Amino acid sequence: MAKKKIQKTNAIRLVEQKKISYKEHEYSWSEDDLGAGHVSEQVGIEPARIFKTLVAVGNKTGPVVAVIPSDHELDLKKIAKVSSNKKVEMLHLRDLEATTGYIRGGCSPIGMKKLFPTFIDASAEQYEQIAISAGKRGLQMEIAPSAIKELTRGQFAELTH
C-alpha cells in the first residue's frame, strides 16, 4: 500500500533544499489541545526533546523567535537581554500568521516569511535531534539543533526559567 504523501511545507522544502537530514512525524491534533503531551505520546519522543516555537516582539528589534522545550516557559527577561532589547512581549496571536506565515500549533522556526533573530534554548545542544513543528499542525520534524541554528542563523541561549 502506498504511503500517504505529506504536503511539503516551507520548513520541509528549506531543509530538503539544504540536504539536511530530518525525520517527519505525523500526529492527530485538536484545537483544544495543542500542547506537547499528546504529541509526545503519539510520535514516541520524550517531552524534553519536543521544542515549541514562540514569537515575541522586542522594543528595538521587532519580532524575535524563541525555540524552547515544550514543557518549559519562555523567560521574557532572558530573551530581551540576549536579543538586545530592553523589553520583550509575546506577539499577539492574531498577528502570528501575517508575521511568520505560520499558524498557532504549526509555527516552525524554519521557513518563516522573514529571517527573524532566532534563539534556541541551550538545552537543545545536549541532544543529537530535537522535534520542532514542520510548519503545519499535526506534523513534527526531528532534526539536529545545529541544523536549526544554521537554517535560522540563530544562536543558543538560556531562555527559560
Protein backbone atom coordinates (compact mmCIF):
# COMPACT_ATOMS: atom_id res chain seq x y z
CA MET A 1 0.00 0.00 0.00
CA ALA A 2 1.41 3.39 -0.95
CA LYS A 3 2.32 5.73 1.88
CA LYS A 4 0.21 8.89 2.01
CA LYS A 5 2.27 11.77 0.65
CA ILE A 6 2.82 14.54 3.18
CA GLN A 7 2.23 18.06 1.92
CA LYS A 8 5.53 19.93 1.77
CA THR A 9 5.72 23.00 4.00
CA ASN A 10 8.17 25.87 3.70
CA ALA A 11 10.16 24.34 6.56
CA ILE A 12 10.42 20.94 4.85
CA ARG A 13 11.28 22.48 1.47
CA LEU A 14 14.08 24.54 3.03
CA VAL A 15 15.52 21.56 4.92
CA GLU A 16 15.44 19.39 1.78
CA GLN A 17 16.93 22.16 -0.36
CA LYS A 18 19.93 22.31 2.02
CA LYS A 19 20.12 18.49 2.00
CA ILE A 20 19.76 18.32 5.78
CA SER A 21 18.67 15.03 7.28
CA TYR A 22 15.35 15.03 9.15
CA LYS A 23 12.51 12.70 10.04
CA GLU A 24 8.80 13.53 9.77
CA HIS A 25 6.29 12.57 12.46
CA GLU A 26 2.56 12.95 11.82
CA TYR A 27 0.10 13.09 14.71
CA SER A 28 -3.55 13.91 15.27
CA TRP A 29 -4.31 17.26 16.88
CA SER A 30 -7.25 19.22 18.13
CA GLU A 31 -7.86 22.93 18.61
CA ASP A 32 -8.42 22.22 22.32
CA ASP A 33 -5.04 20.58 22.88
CA LEU A 34 -2.05 21.93 21.01
CA GLY A 35 0.31 21.03 23.87
CA ALA A 36 3.22 18.65 23.58
CA GLY A 37 1.91 15.95 25.91
CA HIS A 38 -0.24 14.20 23.33
CA VAL A 39 2.38 14.81 20.62
CA SER A 40 4.98 13.01 22.74
CA GLU A 41 2.67 10.02 23.21
CA GLN A 42 1.79 9.80 19.52
CA VAL A 43 5.24 10.21 17.99
CA GLY A 44 7.23 8.43 20.71
CA ILE A 45 9.60 11.29 21.56
CA GLU A 46 10.10 12.31 25.18
CA PRO A 47 8.69 15.78 26.00
CA ALA A 48 12.15 17.21 26.79
CA ARG A 49 13.11 16.74 23.12
CA ILE A 50 9.94 18.34 21.72
CA PHE A 51 10.52 22.07 21.29
CA LYS A 52 7.92 24.75 20.62
CA THR A 53 8.42 27.91 18.60
CA LEU A 54 7.29 31.16 20.19
CA VAL A 55 7.37 34.61 18.62
CA ALA A 56 7.85 37.71 20.73
CA VAL A 57 8.34 41.39 19.86
CA GLY A 58 11.26 43.40 21.16
CA ASN A 59 11.11 47.17 21.61
CA LYS A 60 14.26 47.57 19.45
CA THR A 61 14.40 44.55 17.14
CA GLY A 62 10.76 43.83 16.42
CA PRO A 63 9.94 40.09 16.13
CA VAL A 64 12.26 37.59 17.81
CA VAL A 65 11.85 33.83 17.72
CA ALA A 66 12.38 31.51 20.68
CA VAL A 67 12.69 27.74 20.33
CA ILE A 68 12.24 26.22 23.78
CA PRO A 69 11.42 22.84 25.34
CA SER A 70 7.67 22.29 25.14
CA ASP A 71 7.44 21.59 28.87
CA HIS A 72 9.04 24.95 29.83
CA GLU A 73 8.03 28.61 29.77
CA LEU A 74 9.85 31.42 28.00
CA ASP A 75 11.56 33.91 30.31
CA LEU A 76 10.86 37.27 28.65
CA LYS A 77 13.70 38.97 30.57
CA LYS A 78 16.22 36.42 29.31
CA ILE A 79 15.16 36.72 25.67
CA ALA A 80 15.09 40.53 25.97
CA LYS A 81 18.69 40.53 27.22
CA VAL A 82 20.04 38.06 24.65
CA SER A 83 18.24 39.85 21.78
CA SER A 84 19.49 43.34 22.81
CA ASN A 85 16.03 44.59 23.74
CA LYS A 86 15.02 46.41 26.91
CA LYS A 87 11.54 44.88 26.82
CA VAL A 88 10.00 41.93 25.01
CA GLU A 89 6.38 40.84 24.93
CA MET A 90 4.67 37.97 23.16
CA LEU A 91 3.47 38.62 19.62
CA HIS A 92 -0.33 38.85 19.58
CA LEU A 93 -1.81 35.62 18.26
CA ARG A 94 -3.84 37.48 15.61
CA ASP A 95 -0.53 38.75 14.12
CA LEU A 96 1.22 35.36 14.03
CA GLU A 97 0.28 34.24 10.51
CA ALA A 98 0.81 37.68 8.94
CA THR A 99 4.23 37.95 10.60
CA THR A 100 5.57 34.41 10.16
CA GLY A 101 3.43 32.71 7.52
CA TYR A 102 2.52 30.04 10.08
CA ILE A 103 -0.48 29.47 12.35
CA ARG A 104 -0.63 28.64 16.06
CA GLY A 105 0.25 25.00 16.61
CA GLY A 106 2.09 24.84 13.28
CA CYS A 107 4.74 27.53 13.68
CA SER A 108 8.24 26.37 12.71
CA PRO A 109 11.38 28.43 13.28
CA ILE A 110 12.47 27.31 9.80
CA GLY A 111 10.94 28.87 6.68
CA MET A 112 9.22 31.92 8.16
CA LYS A 113 8.34 34.80 5.82
CA LYS A 114 11.45 36.66 7.01
CA LEU A 115 14.59 35.64 8.84
CA PHE A 116 13.98 36.99 12.34
CA PRO A 117 16.54 36.93 15.16
CA THR A 118 16.21 33.35 16.43
CA PHE A 119 17.28 31.95 19.78
CA ILE A 120 17.29 28.25 20.59
CA ASP A 121 17.28 27.20 24.23
CA ALA A 122 20.75 25.97 25.19
CA SER A 123 19.24 22.70 26.49
CA ALA A 124 18.81 21.64 22.82
CA GLU A 125 22.57 21.26 22.48
CA GLN A 126 22.55 18.13 24.66
CA TYR A 127 20.51 16.22 22.06
CA GLU A 128 21.52 14.86 18.67
CA GLN A 129 17.99 15.56 17.41
CA ILE A 130 15.02 17.54 18.69
CA ALA A 131 11.47 17.70 17.35
CA ILE A 132 10.04 21.01 16.14
CA SER A 133 6.96 21.90 14.15
CA ALA A 134 7.42 21.13 10.47
CA GLY A 135 5.22 24.08 9.55
CA LYS A 136 1.68 22.79 9.99
CA ARG A 137 -0.46 21.32 12.72
CA GLY A 138 -0.09 17.57 13.03
CA LEU A 139 3.45 17.43 11.65
CA GLN A 140 6.73 17.49 13.55
CA MET A 141 10.24 17.17 12.18
CA GLU A 142 13.09 15.62 14.09
CA ILE A 143 16.27 17.48 13.22
CA ALA A 144 19.69 18.33 14.66
CA PRO A 145 19.71 21.51 16.80
CA SER A 146 22.81 22.66 14.89
CA ALA A 147 20.81 22.46 11.63
CA ILE A 148 18.08 24.68 13.10
CA LYS A 149 20.77 27.13 14.18
CA GLU A 150 22.27 27.12 10.69
CA LEU A 151 18.96 27.48 8.82
CA THR A 152 17.71 30.33 11.04
CA ARG A 153 21.12 31.95 11.58
CA GLY A 154 20.19 31.53 15.21
CA GLN A 155 22.12 31.19 18.42
CA PHE A 156 21.88 29.05 21.53
CA ALA A 157 20.99 30.84 24.77
CA GLU A 158 19.39 30.28 28.18
CA LEU A 159 15.73 31.19 27.56
CA THR A 160 13.58 29.50 30.19
CA HIS A 161 13.02 29.76 33.93
